[in-house]
Structures are given as structure tokens and as C-alpha cells.
Amino acid sequence: MSTIKVDTVQSTGGGAVTLTNQTAAKAFCTWHPRNNTLNGTFNVASLTDSAVGVKHFTPTNNMANDDYAMTGMIKFYHIAYDDTNSTTSSFKLRSYYVDNTSGGRAEYDHNSGNENAFVVFGDLA
């Protein structure tokens, strides 16, 4: 049996390497909601707190198109991928809770708990 050990894999064009398993996650992130620090990440360079309940995450390597799937969670509340402003170079997340009085949803400020998370599936550029 042979063993191959490598430190770096690079595509012929020098860009991001497409994972051989197309069902593997292309990005994930955990972040601390109170101070907006990134904790564990893969293919996430930074985050911007855009508004109450709205965060934009910048990938290290862009997605091939804006048809990727994204899901996430925050403690005790809901998080939703917002495809209205998500692009190949920015993941937008909105968090909310169900308003008991009207049955609608209200924005939530991500500030509960110590860690929130999301994962992205799709094709890299």
C-alpha cells in the first residue's frame, strides 16, 4: 500500500481546488455573536454586522454562482439564508424569532449564546 502526504493542493490555474466529493460542504463558520469574532471556519474570510439580525460573510474563495444552499443555527432562535442579497462573494444570513402576538417573524440580533453556525453547499468558482 502507498501513502501520499501533501501540504498544498493547487489547481492548474492556481485558484481554489474543487473538492472531488461534490456533496462536501464548500464553506462553514462558527462565530461569537456578541463580539463578531470568527471561531472555526472553512472558506470564510470575514463577517460584517450589517443590521439587526443581518450578517454578511465573505468567502475566501467565491462560489461559482448564487444557486448554492445554505443553512445555519443560533441558540434558541431561527436563522435563514437570504438569497435576495447573497452573491458569489457574500453569504447573507438573517436571524429571527416567531412573534407570538402576530404570528409573524421579528429580527433577532444574534446575541444569544456563545456560538452560532452555518454551512454552505454548492460549487466553488
Protein backbone atom coordinates (compact mmCIF):
# COMPACT_ATOMS: atom_id res chain seq x y z
CA MET A 1 0.00 0.00 0.00
CA SER A 2 1.20 3.54 -0.79
CA THR A 3 0.77 6.69 1.27
CA ILE A 4 0.66 10.17 -0.23
CA LYS A 5 1.27 13.15 2.05
CA VAL A 6 0.90 16.72 0.76
CA ASP A 7 0.85 20.18 2.33
CA THR A 8 -0.80 22.03 -0.57
CA VAL A 9 -3.04 21.13 -3.49
CA GLN A 10 -3.37 23.71 -6.26
CA SER A 11 -5.41 23.68 -9.44
CA THR A 12 -3.69 24.10 -12.80
CA GLY A 13 -4.96 27.70 -12.95
CA GLY A 14 -3.62 28.45 -9.47
CA GLY A 15 -7.08 29.01 -7.94
CA ALA A 16 -9.15 27.12 -5.42
CA VAL A 17 -9.23 23.37 -5.84
CA THR A 18 -12.68 21.92 -6.45
CA LEU A 19 -13.35 19.19 -3.95
CA THR A 20 -13.54 15.75 -5.52
CA ASN A 21 -16.60 14.90 -3.44
CA GLN A 22 -19.19 17.30 -4.87
CA THR A 23 -21.51 16.81 -1.89
CA ALA A 24 -18.96 18.12 0.61
CA ALA A 25 -19.52 21.48 2.29
CA LYS A 26 -17.80 24.35 0.48
CA ALA A 27 -17.87 26.70 3.49
CA PHE A 28 -18.74 26.65 7.17
CA CYS A 29 -18.36 29.04 10.03
CA THR A 30 -18.96 29.37 13.73
CA TRP A 31 -18.86 32.83 15.26
CA HIS A 32 -19.30 34.51 18.61
CA PRO A 33 -22.40 36.70 18.33
CA ARG A 34 -21.54 39.35 20.90
CA ASN A 35 -18.15 40.41 19.57
CA ASN A 36 -18.46 39.15 15.96
CA THR A 37 -15.30 37.06 16.09
CA LEU A 38 -14.92 34.08 13.79
CA ASN A 39 -14.19 30.83 15.55
CA GLY A 40 -13.98 27.68 13.43
CA THR A 41 -14.11 28.45 9.72
CA PHE A 42 -13.58 26.90 6.33
CA ASN A 43 -13.61 29.19 3.28
CA VAL A 44 -14.84 32.20 5.30
CA ALA A 45 -12.56 35.25 5.48
CA SER A 46 -14.62 37.78 7.43
CA LEU A 47 -18.02 38.87 8.69
CA THR A 48 -19.82 42.20 8.70
CA ASP A 49 -22.66 43.07 11.07
CA SER A 50 -24.96 44.86 8.59
CA ALA A 51 -28.09 45.49 10.69
CA VAL A 52 -30.15 43.99 13.50
CA GLY A 53 -30.36 40.30 12.71
CA VAL A 54 -28.33 40.60 9.48
CA LYS A 55 -24.77 39.40 8.89
CA HIS A 56 -22.72 39.22 5.69
CA PHE A 57 -19.89 36.70 5.45
CA THR A 58 -17.15 36.98 2.84
CA PRO A 59 -15.81 33.68 1.48
CA THR A 60 -12.09 33.13 0.95
CA ASN A 61 -12.86 31.51 -2.42
CA ASN A 62 -16.00 32.67 -4.22
CA MET A 63 -18.85 30.39 -5.20
CA ALA A 64 -19.36 29.57 -8.90
CA ASN A 65 -22.89 31.02 -8.89
CA ASP A 66 -25.52 32.23 -6.44
CA ASP A 67 -27.50 28.98 -6.56
CA TYR A 68 -25.81 27.46 -3.50
CA ALA A 69 -27.63 26.05 -0.48
CA MET A 70 -27.00 27.40 2.99
CA THR A 71 -28.29 26.55 6.43
CA GLY A 72 -27.44 27.67 9.93
CA MET A 73 -28.44 27.87 13.55
CA ILE A 74 -28.40 30.21 16.51
CA LYS A 75 -29.22 29.30 20.08
CA PHE A 76 -32.99 29.19 20.75
CA TYR A 77 -33.93 31.04 17.56
CA HIS A 78 -34.01 30.60 13.80
CA ILE A 79 -31.59 31.59 11.11
CA ALA A 80 -32.34 31.93 7.44
CA TYR A 81 -30.26 32.23 4.33
CA ASP A 82 -31.28 35.38 2.49
CA ASP A 83 -30.90 34.92 -1.25
CA THR A 84 -32.10 38.45 -2.07
CA ASN A 85 -28.65 39.91 -1.47
CA SER A 86 -26.37 36.89 -1.33
CA THR A 87 -23.90 36.72 -4.17
CA THR A 88 -20.99 34.54 -5.22
CA SER A 89 -18.77 36.68 -2.96
CA SER A 90 -21.05 37.25 0.04
CA PHE A 91 -23.22 34.97 2.18
CA LYS A 92 -26.08 36.85 3.85
CA LEU A 93 -27.80 35.47 6.94
CA ARG A 94 -30.88 36.82 8.68
CA SER A 95 -31.88 35.64 12.12
CA TYR A 96 -35.37 35.95 13.52
CA TYR A 97 -37.83 34.58 16.03
CA VAL A 98 -41.56 33.95 15.67
CA ASP A 99 -43.56 36.79 17.18
CA ASN A 100 -46.28 35.16 19.31
CA THR A 101 -48.63 38.14 19.12
CA SER A 102 -48.92 38.34 15.35
CA GLY A 103 -47.55 35.01 14.16
CA GLY A 104 -45.03 36.89 12.01
CA ARG A 105 -41.30 36.99 12.39
CA ALA A 106 -39.14 39.61 14.05
CA GLU A 107 -35.44 40.26 13.50
CA TYR A 108 -33.16 38.90 16.19
CA ASP A 109 -29.75 40.33 17.00
CA HIS A 110 -27.67 37.08 17.12
CA ASN A 111 -26.60 37.96 20.67
CA SER A 112 -27.83 34.85 22.46
CA GLY A 113 -25.47 32.04 23.34
CA ASN A 114 -21.77 31.78 22.70
CA GLU A 115 -21.66 30.41 19.20
CA ASN A 116 -23.70 30.47 16.02
CA ALA A 117 -23.01 28.46 12.88
CA PHE A 118 -23.76 27.97 9.19
CA VAL A 119 -22.71 25.68 6.35
CA VAL A 120 -22.77 26.18 2.55
CA PHE A 121 -23.16 23.57 -0.20
CA GLY A 122 -22.63 24.36 -3.87
CA ASP A 123 -19.84 24.78 -6.43
CA LEU A 124 -16.70 26.85 -5.97
CA ALA A 125 -15.63 29.23 -8.73
